[in-house]
């Protein structure tokens, strides 16, 4: 009887260790989530830049209103970013978009419209309390 109880306890410990190791080794990976946002963010950057260049963007709009204006014909472009803050910085005829956490404290992705891919994966080197400020200051 003691042997069966000991065996049963050992099986329970093994199962618990297996489950815990799976949680530790396979967390909800930010890398996967952020990598999945890179393509849609690059398309959003191009869309906003096109609106700035070729449409008459009303003056005095804030960043989100400019983005909504730019995506009015295709609002689905905004759906992946509902829980984030997006900032805009014009540099000459190009546009830089910065994706920030919802509290606007941490930069995640930064992209300039003159390149095809997202330029900076800032979430990889995120510093606590660094704020969500632009680092792209000129056209590459």
Protein backbone atom coordinates (compact mmCIF):
# COMPACT_ATOMS: atom_id res chain seq x y z
CA UNK A 1 0.00 0.00 0.00
CA UNK A 2 2.81 2.44 0.88
CA UNK A 3 4.46 1.62 -2.39
CA UNK A 4 1.30 2.57 -4.35
CA UNK A 5 0.98 5.87 -2.46
CA UNK A 6 4.65 6.66 -3.05
CA UNK A 7 4.28 5.80 -6.74
CA UNK A 8 1.14 7.96 -6.99
CA UNK A 9 2.88 10.92 -5.32
CA UNK A 10 5.87 10.55 -7.63
CA UNK A 11 3.59 10.61 -10.68
CA UNK A 12 1.88 13.74 -9.38
CA UNK A 13 5.24 15.46 -8.82
CA UNK A 14 6.38 14.53 -12.34
CA UNK A 15 3.15 15.85 -13.86
CA UNK A 16 3.43 19.11 -11.91
CA UNK A 17 7.08 19.55 -12.96
CA UNK A 18 6.13 18.88 -16.57
CA UNK A 19 3.35 21.46 -16.48
CA UNK A 20 5.50 24.07 -14.72
CA UNK A 21 8.38 23.57 -17.16
CA UNK A 22 5.98 24.04 -20.06
CA UNK A 23 4.79 27.34 -18.62
CA UNK A 24 8.33 28.55 -18.02
CA UNK A 25 9.72 27.40 -21.35
CA UNK A 26 6.77 28.49 -23.48
CA UNK A 27 5.33 31.72 -22.10
CA UNK A 28 3.09 34.05 -24.06
CA UNK A 29 6.04 35.30 -26.07
CA UNK A 30 6.31 39.03 -26.70
CA UNK A 31 8.68 38.22 -29.54
CA UNK A 32 5.96 36.39 -31.46
CA UNK A 33 3.36 39.06 -30.78
CA UNK A 34 5.62 41.95 -31.78
CA UNK A 35 6.93 40.13 -34.85
CA UNK A 36 3.33 39.62 -35.96
CA UNK A 37 2.71 43.39 -35.67
CA UNK A 38 5.68 44.40 -37.85
CA UNK A 39 3.98 43.82 -41.23
CA UNK A 40 0.72 45.59 -40.35
CA UNK A 41 2.67 48.46 -38.75
CA UNK A 42 4.78 48.93 -41.88
CA UNK A 43 1.59 49.02 -44.01
CA UNK A 44 0.09 51.57 -41.63
CA UNK A 45 3.21 53.74 -41.93
CA UNK A 46 2.95 53.68 -45.73
CA UNK A 47 -0.76 54.50 -45.60
CA UNK A 48 -0.27 57.47 -43.28
CA UNK A 49 2.61 58.75 -45.39
CA UNK A 50 0.52 58.49 -48.58
CA UNK A 51 -2.26 60.48 -46.93
CA UNK A 52 0.21 63.16 -45.85
CA UNK A 53 1.65 63.38 -49.37
CA UNK A 54 -1.38 63.03 -51.61
CA UNK A 55 -4.50 63.90 -49.61
CA UNK A 56 -5.43 67.15 -47.98
CA UNK A 57 -5.02 66.30 -44.31
CA UNK A 58 -7.01 68.86 -42.31
CA UNK A 59 -4.77 71.11 -40.21
CA UNK A 60 -4.62 70.88 -36.42
CA UNK A 61 -5.42 67.16 -36.24
CA UNK A 62 -3.76 65.16 -33.49
CA UNK A 63 -1.80 62.01 -34.32
CA UNK A 64 -4.71 59.59 -33.91
CA UNK A 65 -7.02 61.77 -35.98
CA UNK A 66 -4.46 61.88 -38.80
CA UNK A 67 -4.18 58.08 -38.66
CA UNK A 68 -7.98 57.72 -38.73
CA UNK A 69 -8.16 60.14 -41.65
CA UNK A 70 -5.48 58.17 -43.51
CA UNK A 71 -7.21 54.83 -42.90
CA UNK A 72 -10.79 56.00 -43.48
CA UNK A 73 -11.12 53.87 -46.62
CA UNK A 74 -9.56 50.83 -44.90
CA UNK A 75 -10.09 51.08 -41.10
CA UNK A 76 -9.14 47.41 -40.65
CA UNK A 77 -5.52 48.61 -40.80
CA UNK A 78 -5.98 49.98 -37.27
CA UNK A 79 -7.45 46.84 -35.67
CA UNK A 80 -4.13 45.26 -34.59
CA UNK A 81 -3.22 48.47 -32.74
CA UNK A 82 -6.36 49.14 -30.70
CA UNK A 83 -4.53 48.64 -27.39
CA UNK A 84 -1.55 50.82 -28.29
CA UNK A 85 -0.68 54.49 -28.74
CA UNK A 86 0.62 55.52 -32.16
CA UNK A 87 2.59 58.72 -32.62
CA UNK A 88 3.50 60.50 -35.87
CA UNK A 89 6.55 62.55 -36.74
CA UNK A 90 6.92 64.12 -40.21
CA UNK A 91 10.47 64.30 -41.56
CA UNK A 92 10.43 66.16 -44.85
CA UNK A 93 8.26 64.21 -47.26
CA UNK A 94 8.48 61.04 -45.15
CA UNK A 95 6.61 59.98 -42.03
CA UNK A 96 7.82 58.20 -38.91
CA UNK A 97 5.34 56.19 -36.87
CA UNK A 98 6.08 55.11 -33.31
CA UNK A 99 4.08 52.34 -31.64
CA UNK A 100 3.94 52.72 -27.86
CA UNK A 101 2.40 50.86 -24.97
CA UNK A 102 -1.10 51.93 -23.97
CA UNK A 103 0.30 54.10 -21.16
CA UNK A 104 2.54 55.89 -23.71
CA UNK A 105 5.61 55.11 -21.60
CA UNK A 106 7.45 52.48 -23.65
CA UNK A 107 8.36 52.44 -27.35
CA UNK A 108 7.71 49.18 -29.17
CA UNK A 109 8.19 49.68 -32.92
CA UNK A 110 9.48 52.66 -34.91
CA UNK A 111 9.17 52.91 -38.67
CA UNK A 112 9.94 55.49 -41.34
CA UNK A 113 7.99 55.38 -44.58
CA UNK A 114 11.07 55.50 -46.84
CA UNK A 115 11.97 51.88 -46.00
CA UNK A 116 10.05 48.67 -46.65
CA UNK A 117 10.48 46.96 -43.26
CA UNK A 118 9.99 48.22 -39.72
CA UNK A 119 13.18 50.09 -38.90
CA UNK A 120 13.53 49.66 -35.16
CA UNK A 121 12.28 46.96 -32.82
CA UNK A 122 12.51 49.15 -29.76
CA UNK A 123 10.64 46.74 -27.52
CA UNK A 124 13.74 44.51 -27.50
CA UNK A 125 15.79 47.14 -25.64
CA UNK A 126 12.98 48.76 -23.68
CA UNK A 127 14.25 50.71 -20.69
CA UNK A 128 11.93 51.24 -17.75
CA UNK A 129 10.73 54.82 -17.60
CA UNK A 130 12.40 55.72 -20.90
CA UNK A 131 9.23 57.32 -22.26
CA UNK A 132 7.93 56.94 -25.75
CA UNK A 133 10.18 59.23 -27.75
CA UNK A 134 11.30 59.12 -31.37
CA UNK A 135 14.87 58.06 -32.19
CA UNK A 136 14.62 58.37 -35.98
CA UNK A 137 15.52 61.96 -36.72
CA UNK A 138 16.49 61.90 -40.40
CA UNK A 139 15.70 60.04 -43.58
CA UNK A 140 18.10 57.10 -44.04
